[in-house]
Amino acid sequence: RITEAVNLILAFVETFVEETSSMDATYKRILGNIFQNIAPTKNNQSNEGSSSSSSSLPTSSSSSNTEDRLDEILSVEAEASLYTPGFLRHVEGECERISNL
């Protein structure tokens, strides 16, 4: 009986670890995709740099473009189901980690 209970607990822990690893990889992929799509490209940076002053602050048009790209990414139905409370906790944890650097 004890062996069966231990085996059951071990199976549960193994499944739990596999699922959390899979979820973490998925959340990292989604977050990476979001960052890649909203990050300014080298083309945009050089165009903005030549038309604006040497300030590193984004222009209102580049901010608007970034917001538009983010809206497009977040509205894709194929990935909309991935924006779960777990994903939001992952993002919150990443923000916390970065703020503590």
PDB file of N, CA and C in Angstrom:
ATOM      1  N   ARG A   1       0.814  -1.206   0.000  1.00  0.00           N
ATOM      2  CA  ARG A   1       0.000   0.000   0.000  1.00  0.00           C
ATOM      3  C   ARG A   1       0.856   1.268   0.000  1.00  0.00           C
ATOM      4  N   ILE A   2       1.867   1.264   0.829  1.00  0.00           N
ATOM      5  CA  ILE A   2       2.727   2.440   0.918  1.00  0.00           C
ATOM      6  C   ILE A   2       3.440   2.660  -0.420  1.00  0.00           C
ATOM      7  N   THR A   3       3.877   1.575  -1.034  1.00  0.00           N
ATOM      8  CA  THR A   3       4.552   1.684  -2.321  1.00  0.00           C
ATOM      9  C   THR A   3       3.618   2.278  -3.362  1.00  0.00           C
ATOM     10  N   GLU A   4       2.368   1.851  -3.364  1.00  0.00           N
ATOM     11  CA  GLU A   4       1.393   2.396  -4.315  1.00  0.00           C
ATOM     12  C   GLU A   4       1.159   3.877  -4.069  1.00  0.00           C
ATOM     13  N   ALA A   5       1.077   4.267  -2.809  1.00  0.00           N
ATOM     14  CA  ALA A   5       0.878   5.677  -2.478  1.00  0.00           C
ATOM     15  C   ALA A   5       2.077   6.515  -2.915  1.00  0.00           C
ATOM     16  N   VAL A   6       3.268   6.015  -2.678  1.00  0.00           N
ATOM     17  CA  VAL A   6       4.485   6.728  -3.081  1.00  0.00           C
ATOM     18  C   VAL A   6       4.544   6.834  -4.603  1.00  0.00           C
ATOM     19  N   ASN A   7       4.231   5.738  -5.299  1.00  0.00           N
ATOM     20  CA  ASN A   7       4.224   5.763  -6.764  1.00  0.00           C
ATOM     21  C   ASN A   7       3.203   6.758  -7.297  1.00  0.00           C
ATOM     22  N   LEU A   8       2.046   6.833  -6.667  1.00  0.00           N
ATOM     23  CA  LEU A   8       1.005   7.779  -7.071  1.00  0.00           C
ATOM     24  C   LEU A   8       1.483   9.217  -6.872  1.00  0.00           C
ATOM     25  N   ILE A   9       2.103   9.476  -5.743  1.00  0.00           N
ATOM     26  CA  ILE A   9       2.618  10.820  -5.459  1.00  0.00           C
ATOM     27  C   ILE A   9       3.716  11.184  -6.454  1.00  0.00           C
ATOM     28  N   LEU A  10       4.624  10.253  -6.721  1.00  0.00           N
ATOM     29  CA  LEU A  10       5.697  10.499  -7.674  1.00  0.00           C
ATOM     30  C   LEU A  10       5.155  10.752  -9.081  1.00  0.00           C
ATOM     31  N   ALA A  11       4.147   9.994  -9.479  1.00  0.00           N
ATOM     32  CA  ALA A  11       3.537  10.190 -10.793  1.00  0.00           C
ATOM     33  C   ALA A  11       2.889  11.571 -10.868  1.00  0.00           C
ATOM     34  N   PHE A  12       2.215  11.964  -9.790  1.00  0.00           N
ATOM     35  CA  PHE A  12       1.587  13.281  -9.760  1.00  0.00           C
ATOM     36  C   PHE A  12       2.637  14.387  -9.873  1.00  0.00           C
ATOM     37  N   VAL A  13       3.703  14.284  -9.092  1.00  0.00           N
ATOM     38  CA  VAL A  13       4.754  15.304  -9.107  1.00  0.00           C
ATOM     39  C   VAL A  13       5.417  15.362 -10.478  1.00  0.00           C
ATOM     40  N   GLU A  14       5.670  14.213 -11.064  1.00  0.00           N
ATOM     41  CA  GLU A  14       6.284  14.175 -12.391  1.00  0.00           C
ATOM     42  C   GLU A  14       5.396  14.853 -13.431  1.00  0.00           C
ATOM     43  N   THR A  15       4.117  14.553 -13.401  1.00  0.00           N
ATOM     44  CA  THR A  15       3.169  15.174 -14.329  1.00  0.00           C
ATOM     45  C   THR A  15       3.077  16.672 -14.079  1.00  0.00           C
ATOM     46  N   PHE A  16       3.051  17.055 -12.818  1.00  0.00           N
ATOM     47  CA  PHE A  16       2.978  18.469 -12.462  1.00  0.00           C
ATOM     48  C   PHE A  16       4.191  19.235 -13.002  1.00  0.00           C
ATOM     49  N   VAL A  17       5.369  18.680 -12.814  1.00  0.00           N
ATOM     50  CA  VAL A  17       6.599  19.332 -13.275  1.00  0.00           C
ATOM     51  C   VAL A  17       6.610  19.430 -14.797  1.00  0.00           C
ATOM     52  N   GLU A  18       6.200  18.383 -15.477  1.00  0.00           N
ATOM     53  CA  GLU A  18       6.149  18.411 -16.945  1.00  0.00           C
ATOM     54  C   GLU A  18       5.169  19.472 -17.437  1.00  0.00           C
ATOM     55  N   GLU A  19       4.010  19.548 -16.821  1.00  0.00           N
ATOM     56  CA  GLU A  19       3.005  20.540 -17.221  1.00  0.00           C
ATOM     57  C   GLU A  19       3.484  21.960 -16.967  1.00  0.00           C
ATOM     58  N   THR A  20       4.083  22.195 -15.810  1.00  0.00           N
ATOM     59  CA  THR A  20       4.555  23.550 -15.520  1.00  0.00           C
ATOM     60  C   THR A  20       5.700  23.938 -16.436  1.00  0.00           C
ATOM     61  N   SER A  21       6.568  23.003 -16.768  1.00  0.00           N
ATOM     62  CA  SER A  21       7.654  23.288 -17.710  1.00  0.00           C
ATOM     63  C   SER A  21       7.094  23.627 -19.082  1.00  0.00           C
ATOM     64  N   SER A  22       6.092  22.884 -19.506  1.00  0.00           N
ATOM     65  CA  SER A  22       5.458  23.135 -20.796  1.00  0.00           C
ATOM     66  C   SER A  22       4.770  24.496 -20.807  1.00  0.00           C
ATOM     67  N   MET A  23       4.052  24.816 -19.740  1.00  0.00           N
ATOM     68  CA  MET A  23       3.371  26.112 -19.644  1.00  0.00           C
ATOM     69  C   MET A  23       4.385  27.247 -19.640  1.00  0.00           C
ATOM     70  N   ASP A  24       5.470  27.089 -18.902  1.00  0.00           N
ATOM     71  CA  ASP A  24       6.496  28.124 -18.835  1.00  0.00           C
ATOM     72  C   ASP A  24       7.100  28.371 -20.215  1.00  0.00           C
ATOM     73  N   ALA A  25       7.388  27.301 -20.944  1.00  0.00           N
ATOM     74  CA  ALA A  25       7.944  27.442 -22.295  1.00  0.00           C
ATOM     75  C   ALA A  25       6.951  28.146 -23.218  1.00  0.00           C
ATOM     76  N   THR A  26       5.674  27.807 -23.092  1.00  0.00           N
ATOM     77  CA  THR A  26       4.638  28.446 -23.905  1.00  0.00           C
ATOM     78  C   THR A  26       4.536  29.922 -23.578  1.00  0.00           C
ATOM     79  N   TYR A  27       4.530  30.256 -22.306  1.00  0.00           N
ATOM     80  CA  TYR A  27       4.426  31.662 -21.895  1.00  0.00           C
ATOM     81  C   TYR A  27       5.632  32.464 -22.360  1.00  0.00           C
ATOM     82  N   LYS A  28       6.815  31.870 -22.280  1.00  0.00           N
ATOM     83  CA  LYS A  28       8.019  32.561 -22.750  1.00  0.00           C
ATOM     84  C   LYS A  28       7.961  32.789 -24.254  1.00  0.00           C
ATOM     85  N   ARG A  29       7.452  31.800 -24.983  1.00  0.00           N
ATOM     86  CA  ARG A  29       7.328  31.937 -26.437  1.00  0.00           C
ATOM     87  C   ARG A  29       6.354  33.053 -26.793  1.00  0.00           C
ATOM     88  N   ILE A  30       5.214  33.097 -26.113  1.00  0.00           N
ATOM     89  CA  ILE A  30       4.211  34.131 -26.386  1.00  0.00           C
ATOM     90  C   ILE A  30       4.781  35.508 -26.062  1.00  0.00           C
ATOM     91  N   LEU A  31       5.408  35.637 -24.909  1.00  0.00           N
ATOM     92  CA  LEU A  31       5.971  36.923 -24.500  1.00  0.00           C
ATOM     93  C   LEU A  31       7.080  37.351 -25.461  1.00  0.00           C
ATOM     94  N   GLY A  32       7.907  36.408 -25.883  1.00  0.00           N
ATOM     95  CA  GLY A  32       8.944  36.710 -26.865  1.00  0.00           C
ATOM     96  C   GLY A  32       8.359  37.176 -28.181  1.00  0.00           C
ATOM     97  N   ASN A  33       7.275  36.523 -28.609  1.00  0.00           N
ATOM     98  CA  ASN A  33       6.596  36.906 -29.845  1.00  0.00           C
ATOM     99  C   ASN A  33       6.044  38.326 -29.737  1.00  0.00           C
ATOM    100  N   ILE A  34       5.470  38.650 -28.602  1.00  0.00           N
ATOM    101  CA  ILE A  34       4.935  40.001 -28.392  1.00  0.00           C
ATOM    102  C   ILE A  34       6.068  41.015 -28.462  1.00  0.00           C
ATOM    103  N   PHE A  35       7.163  40.756 -27.760  1.00  0.00           N
ATOM    104  CA  PHE A  35       8.292  41.694 -27.759  1.00  0.00           C
ATOM    105  C   PHE A  35       8.885  41.859 -29.154  1.00  0.00           C
ATOM    106  N   GLN A  36       9.033  40.758 -29.878  1.00  0.00           N
ATOM    107  CA  GLN A  36       9.604  40.844 -31.218  1.00  0.00           C
ATOM    108  C   GLN A  36       8.715  41.654 -32.155  1.00  0.00           C
ATOM    109  N   ASN A  37       7.420  41.538 -31.994  1.00  0.00           N
ATOM    110  CA  ASN A  37       6.514  42.239 -32.889  1.00  0.00           C
ATOM    111  C   ASN A  37       6.339  43.709 -32.554  1.00  0.00           C
ATOM    112  N   ILE A  38       6.547  44.093 -31.315  1.00  0.00           N
ATOM    113  CA  ILE A  38       6.369  45.508 -30.969  1.00  0.00           C
ATOM    114  C   ILE A  38       7.682  46.263 -30.896  1.00  0.00           C
ATOM    115  N   ALA A  39       8.801  45.545 -30.900  1.00  0.00           N
ATOM    116  CA  ALA A  39      10.106  46.215 -30.845  1.00  0.00           C
ATOM    117  C   ALA A  39      10.344  46.937 -32.162  1.00  0.00           C
ATOM    118  N   PRO A  40      10.900  48.134 -32.085  1.00  0.00           N
ATOM    119  CA  PRO A  40      11.187  48.848 -33.331  1.00  0.00           C
ATOM    120  C   PRO A  40      12.244  48.110 -34.135  1.00  0.00           C
ATOM    121  N   THR A  41      12.061  48.100 -35.438  1.00  0.00           N
ATOM    122  CA  THR A  41      13.048  47.471 -36.314  1.00  0.00           C
ATOM    123  C   THR A  41      14.173  48.455 -36.570  1.00  0.00           C
ATOM    124  N   LYS A  42      15.281  47.970 -37.066  1.00  0.00           N
ATOM    125  CA  LYS A  42      16.408  48.861 -37.354  1.00  0.00           C
ATOM    126  C   LYS A  42      16.021  49.899 -38.391  1.00  0.00           C
ATOM    127  N   ASN A  43      15.181  49.522 -39.355  1.00  0.00           N
ATOM    128  CA  ASN A  43      14.701  50.466 -40.361  1.00  0.00           C
ATOM    129  C   ASN A  43      13.943  51.615 -39.717  1.00  0.00           C
ATOM    130  N   ASN A  44      13.016  51.263 -38.815  1.00  0.00           N
ATOM    131  CA  ASN A  44      12.218  52.295 -38.141  1.00  0.00           C
ATOM    132  C   ASN A  44      13.093  53.195 -37.285  1.00  0.00           C
ATOM    133  N   GLN A  45      14.090  52.613 -36.618  1.00  0.00           N
ATOM    134  CA  GLN A  45      14.955  53.411 -35.756  1.00  0.00           C
ATOM    135  C   GLN A  45      15.760  54.407 -36.580  1.00  0.00           C
ATOM    136  N   SER A  46      16.299  53.971 -37.724  1.00  0.00           N
ATOM    137  CA  SER A  46      17.107  54.886 -38.520  1.00  0.00           C
ATOM    138  C   SER A  46      16.243  55.967 -39.145  1.00  0.00           C
ATOM    139  N   ASN A  47      15.011  55.641 -39.565  1.00  0.00           N
ATOM    140  CA  ASN A  47      14.119  56.649 -40.127  1.00  0.00           C
ATOM    141  C   ASN A  47      13.701  57.657 -39.080  1.00  0.00           C
ATOM    142  N   GLU A  48      13.376  57.165 -37.889  1.00  0.00           N
ATOM    143  CA  GLU A  48      12.949  58.074 -36.828  1.00  0.00           C
ATOM    144  C   GLU A  48      14.110  58.930 -36.362  1.00  0.00           C
ATOM    145  N   GLY A  49      15.311  58.358 -36.316  1.00  0.00           N
ATOM    146  CA  GLY A  49      16.478  59.091 -35.864  1.00  0.00           C
ATOM    147  C   GLY A  49      16.821  60.232 -36.799  1.00  0.00           C
ATOM    148  N   SER A  50      16.604  60.055 -38.099  1.00  0.00           N
ATOM    149  CA  SER A  50      16.955  61.107 -39.045  1.00  0.00           C
ATOM    150  C   SER A  50      15.911  62.203 -39.083  1.00  0.00           C
ATOM    151  N   SER A  51      14.670  61.895 -38.767  1.00  0.00           N
ATOM    152  CA  SER A  51      13.622  62.901 -38.864  1.00  0.00           C
ATOM    153  C   SER A  51      13.361  63.612 -37.546  1.00  0.00           C
ATOM    154  N   SER A  52      13.917  63.101 -36.466  1.00  0.00           N
ATOM    155  CA  SER A  52      13.675  63.734 -35.174  1.00  0.00           C
ATOM    156  C   SER A  52      14.988  64.191 -34.576  1.00  0.00           C
ATOM    157  N   SER A  53      14.885  64.835 -33.441  1.00  0.00           N
ATOM    158  CA  SER A  53      16.099  65.280 -32.763  1.00  0.00           C
ATOM    159  C   SER A  53      16.823  64.082 -32.173  1.00  0.00           C
ATOM    160  N   SER A  54      17.928  64.313 -31.500  1.00  0.00           N
ATOM    161  CA  SER A  54      18.726  63.211 -30.971  1.00  0.00           C
ATOM    162  C   SER A  54      18.111  62.591 -29.727  1.00  0.00           C
ATOM    163  N   SER A  55      16.914  62.978 -29.374  1.00  0.00           N
ATOM    164  CA  SER A  55      16.234  62.419 -28.207  1.00  0.00           C
ATOM    165  C   SER A  55      15.937  60.942 -28.426  1.00  0.00           C
ATOM    166  N   SER A  56      16.079  60.152 -27.371  1.00  0.00           N
ATOM    167  CA  SER A  56      15.802  58.724 -27.488  1.00  0.00           C
ATOM    168  C   SER A  56      14.354  58.402 -27.151  1.00  0.00           C
ATOM    169  N   LEU A  57      13.561  59.409 -26.887  1.00  0.00           N
ATOM    170  CA  LEU A  57      12.155  59.174 -26.584  1.00  0.00           C
ATOM    171  C   LEU A  57      11.403  58.847 -27.859  1.00  0.00           C
ATOM    172  N   PRO A  58      10.451  57.893 -27.795  1.00  0.00           N
ATOM    173  CA  PRO A  58       9.706  57.552 -28.996  1.00  0.00           C
ATOM    174  C   PRO A  58       8.780  58.692 -29.399  1.00  0.00           C
ATOM    175  N   THR A  59       8.572  58.821 -30.686  1.00  0.00           N
ATOM    176  CA  THR A  59       7.647  59.837 -31.173  1.00  0.00           C
ATOM    177  C   THR A  59       6.230  59.335 -30.995  1.00  0.00           C
ATOM    178  N   SER A  60       5.269  60.226 -31.100  1.00  0.00           N
ATOM    179  CA  SER A  60       3.883  59.800 -30.926  1.00  0.00           C
ATOM    180  C   SER A  60       3.451  58.860 -32.032  1.00  0.00           C
ATOM    181  N   SER A  61       3.974  59.049 -33.255  1.00  0.00           N
ATOM    182  CA  SER A  61       3.611  58.142 -34.344  1.00  0.00           C
ATOM    183  C   SER A  61       4.205  56.756 -34.121  1.00  0.00           C
ATOM    184  N   SER A  62       5.445  56.679 -33.611  1.00  0.00           N
ATOM    185  CA  SER A  62       6.032  55.365 -33.354  1.00  0.00           C
ATOM    186  C   SER A  62       5.315  54.681 -32.192  1.00  0.00           C
ATOM    187  N   SER A  63       4.893  55.456 -31.198  1.00  0.00           N
ATOM    188  CA  SER A  63       4.127  54.878 -30.088  1.00  0.00           C
ATOM    189  C   SER A  63       2.794  54.350 -30.586  1.00  0.00           C
ATOM    190  N   SER A  64       2.179  55.110 -31.479  1.00  0.00           N
ATOM    191  CA  SER A  64       0.903  54.686 -32.050  1.00  0.00           C
ATOM    192  C   SER A  64       1.079  53.416 -32.866  1.00  0.00           C
ATOM    193  N   ASN A  65       2.157  53.343 -33.659  1.00  0.00           N
ATOM    194  CA  ASN A  65       2.430  52.137 -34.445  1.00  0.00           C
ATOM    195  C   ASN A  65       2.671  50.941 -33.537  1.00  0.00           C
ATOM    196  N   THR A  66       3.398  51.155 -32.462  1.00  0.00           N
ATOM    197  CA  THR A  66       3.669  50.080 -31.513  1.00  0.00           C
ATOM    198  C   THR A  66       2.371  49.595 -30.880  1.00  0.00           C
ATOM    199  N   GLU A  67       1.514  50.526 -30.502  1.00  0.00           N
ATOM    200  CA  GLU A  67       0.221  50.152 -29.912  1.00  0.00           C
ATOM    201  C   GLU A  67      -0.641  49.412 -30.922  1.00  0.00           C
ATOM    202  N   ASP A  68      -0.609  49.856 -32.175  1.00  0.00           N
ATOM    203  CA  ASP A  68      -1.383  49.174 -33.212  1.00  0.00           C
ATOM    204  C   ASP A  68      -0.892  47.746 -33.417  1.00  0.00           C
ATOM    205  N   ARG A  69       0.443  47.568 -33.459  1.00  0.00           N
ATOM    206  CA  ARG A  69       0.994  46.217 -33.610  1.00  0.00           C
ATOM    207  C   ARG A  69       0.631  45.339 -32.422  1.00  0.00           C
ATOM    208  N   LEU A  70       0.675  45.905 -31.216  1.00  0.00           N
ATOM    209  CA  LEU A  70       0.306  45.144 -30.024  1.00  0.00           C
ATOM    210  C   LEU A  70      -1.167  44.754 -30.076  1.00  0.00           C
ATOM    211  N   ASP A  71      -2.021  45.674 -30.487  1.00  0.00           N
ATOM    212  CA  ASP A  71      -3.448  45.361 -30.625  1.00  0.00           C
ATOM    213  C   ASP A  71      -3.665  44.223 -31.618  1.00  0.00           C
ATOM    214  N   GLU A  72      -2.931  44.255 -32.733  1.00  0.00           N
ATOM    215  CA  GLU A  72      -3.057  43.190 -33.732  1.00  0.00           C
ATOM    216  C   GLU A  72      -2.645  41.852 -33.152  1.00  0.00           C
ATOM    217  N   ILE A  73      -1.539  41.842 -32.428  1.00  0.00           N
ATOM    218  CA  ILE A  73      -1.041  40.594 -31.836  1.00  0.00           C
ATOM    219  C   ILE A  73      -2.048  40.039 -30.833  1.00  0.00           C
ATOM    220  N   LEU A  74      -2.553  40.916 -29.982  1.00  0.00           N
ATOM    221  CA  LEU A  74      -3.454  40.457 -28.925  1.00  0.00           C
ATOM    222  C   LEU A  74      -4.823  40.051 -29.451  1.00  0.00           C
ATOM    223  N   SER A  75      -5.175  40.514 -30.651  1.00  0.00           N
ATOM    224  CA  SER A  75      -6.497  40.192 -31.184  1.00  0.00           C
ATOM    225  C   SER A  75      -6.509  38.934 -32.040  1.00  0.00           C
ATOM    226  N   VAL A  76      -5.344  38.359 -32.306  1.00  0.00           N
ATOM    227  CA  VAL A  76      -5.291  37.134 -33.108  1.00  0.00           C
ATOM    228  C   VAL A  76      -5.993  36.032 -32.330  1.00  0.00           C
ATOM    229  N   GLU A  77      -7.050  35.499 -32.925  1.00  0.00           N
ATOM    230  CA  GLU A  77      -7.865  34.520 -32.204  1.00  0.00           C
ATOM    231  C   GLU A  77      -7.124  33.234 -31.903  1.00  0.00           C
ATOM    232  N   ALA A  78      -6.184  32.862 -32.757  1.00  0.00           N
ATOM    233  CA  ALA A  78      -5.455  31.614 -32.539  1.00  0.00           C
ATOM    234  C   ALA A  78      -4.675  31.646 -31.237  1.00  0.00           C
ATOM    235  N   GLU A  79      -4.199  32.832 -30.847  1.00  0.00           N
ATOM    236  CA  GLU A  79      -3.427  32.929 -29.613  1.00  0.00           C
ATOM    237  C   GLU A  79      -4.211  33.578 -28.480  1.00  0.00           C
ATOM    238  N   ALA A  80      -5.381  34.109 -28.762  1.00  0.00           N
ATOM    239  CA  ALA A  80      -6.155  34.792 -27.726  1.00  0.00           C
ATOM    240  C   ALA A  80      -6.469  33.860 -26.558  1.00  0.00           C
ATOM    241  N   SER A  81      -6.648  32.590 -26.847  1.00  0.00           N
ATOM    242  CA  SER A  81      -6.949  31.637 -25.769  1.00  0.00           C
ATOM    243  C   SER A  81      -5.741  31.389 -24.875  1.00  0.00           C
ATOM    244  N   LEU A  82      -4.551  31.796 -25.332  1.00  0.00           N
ATOM    245  CA  LEU A  82      -3.342  31.599 -24.539  1.00  0.00           C
ATOM    246  C   LEU A  82      -3.137  32.694 -23.500  1.00  0.00           C
ATOM    247  N   TYR A  83      -3.877  33.790 -23.613  1.00  0.00           N
ATOM    248  CA  TYR A  83      -3.732  34.890 -22.665  1.00  0.00           C
ATOM    249  C   TYR A  83      -4.598  34.598 -21.438  1.00  0.00           C
ATOM    250  N   THR A  84      -4.121  33.667 -20.655  1.00  0.00           N
ATOM    251  CA  THR A  84      -4.843  33.170 -19.492  1.00  0.00           C
ATOM    252  C   THR A  84      -4.370  33.897 -18.236  1.00  0.00           C
ATOM    253  N   PRO A  85      -5.067  33.700 -17.120  1.00  0.00           N
ATOM    254  CA  PRO A  85      -4.566  34.248 -15.856  1.00  0.00           C
ATOM    255  C   PRO A  85      -3.148  33.758 -15.543  1.00  0.00           C
ATOM    256  N   GLY A  86      -2.834  32.539 -15.934  1.00  0.00           N
ATOM    257  CA  GLY A  86      -1.489  32.018 -15.718  1.00  0.00           C
ATOM    258  C   GLY A  86      -0.461  32.800 -16.516  1.00  0.00           C
ATOM    259  N   PHE A  87      -0.814  33.152 -17.757  1.00  0.00           N
ATOM    260  CA  PHE A  87       0.087  33.957 -18.584  1.00  0.00           C
ATOM    261  C   PHE A  87       0.273  35.333 -17.964  1.00  0.00           C
ATOM    262  N   LEU A  88      -0.804  35.918 -17.469  1.00  0.00           N
ATOM    263  CA  LEU A  88      -0.706  37.238 -16.836  1.00  0.00           C
ATOM    264  C   LEU A  88       0.155  37.184 -15.578  1.00  0.00           C
ATOM    265  N   ARG A  89       0.054  36.089 -14.812  1.00  0.00           N
ATOM    266  CA  ARG A  89       0.919  35.923 -13.639  1.00  0.00           C
ATOM    267  C   ARG A  89       2.379  35.803 -14.081  1.00  0.00           C
ATOM    268  N   HIS A  90       2.603  35.102 -15.185  1.00  0.00           N
ATOM    269  CA  HIS A  90       3.962  34.971 -15.720  1.00  0.00           C
ATOM    270  C   HIS A  90       4.514  36.350 -16.102  1.00  0.00           C
ATOM    271  N   VAL A  91       3.710  37.146 -16.791  1.00  0.00           N
ATOM    272  CA  VAL A  91       4.135  38.496 -17.178  1.00  0.00           C
ATOM    273  C   VAL A  91       4.410  39.329 -15.934  1.00  0.00           C
ATOM    274  N   GLU A  92       3.539  39.234 -14.944  1.00  0.00           N
ATOM    275  CA  GLU A  92       3.729  39.980 -13.697  1.00  0.00           C
ATOM    276  C   GLU A  92       5.030  39.556 -13.013  1.00  0.00           C
ATOM    277  N   GLY A  93       5.309  38.261 -13.005  1.00  0.00           N
ATOM    278  CA  GLY A  93       6.536  37.760 -12.412  1.00  0.00           C
ATOM    279  C   GLY A  93       7.768  38.254 -13.156  1.00  0.00           C
ATOM    280  N   GLU A  94       7.688  38.298 -14.487  1.00  0.00           N
ATOM    281  CA  GLU A  94       8.808  38.800 -15.279  1.00  0.00           C
ATOM    282  C   GLU A  94       9.023  40.287 -15.020  1.00  0.00           C
ATOM    283  N   CYS A  95       7.950  41.041 -14.916  1.00  0.00           N
ATOM    284  CA  CYS A  95       8.057  42.473 -14.613  1.00  0.00           C
ATOM    285  C   CYS A  95       8.691  42.680 -13.242  1.00  0.00           C
ATOM    286  N   GLU A  96       8.275  41.880 -12.290  1.00  0.00           N
ATOM    287  CA  GLU A  96       8.842  41.946 -10.930  1.00  0.00           C
ATOM    288  C   GLU A  96      10.333  41.623 -10.958  1.00  0.00           C
ATOM    289  N   ARG A  97      10.687  40.575 -11.705  1.00  0.00           N
ATOM    290  CA  ARG A  97      12.084  40.161 -11.804  1.00  0.00           C
ATOM    291  C   ARG A  97      12.924  41.292 -12.423  1.00  0.00           C
ATOM    292  N   ILE A  98      12.411  41.904 -13.489  1.00  0.00           N
ATOM    293  CA  ILE A  98      13.155  42.972 -14.161  1.00  0.00           C
ATOM    294  C   ILE A  98      13.274  44.193 -13.271  1.00  0.00           C
ATOM    295  N   SER A  99      12.236  44.506 -12.532  1.00  0.00           N
ATOM    296  CA  SER A  99      12.282  45.685 -11.658  1.00  0.00           C
ATOM    297  C   SER A  99      13.264  45.516 -10.506  1.00  0.00           C
ATOM    298  N   ASN A 100      13.580  44.263 -10.178  1.00  0.00           N
ATOM    299  CA  ASN A 100      14.524  43.999  -9.090  1.00  0.00           C
ATOM    300  C   ASN A 100      15.978  43.899  -9.554  1.00  0.00           C
ATOM    301  N   LEU A 101      16.221  44.084 -10.849  1.00  0.00           N
ATOM    302  CA  LEU A 101      17.597  44.004 -11.359  1.00  0.00           C
ATOM    303  C   LEU A 101      18.407  45.204 -10.930  1.00  0.00           C
TER     304      LEU A 101
END
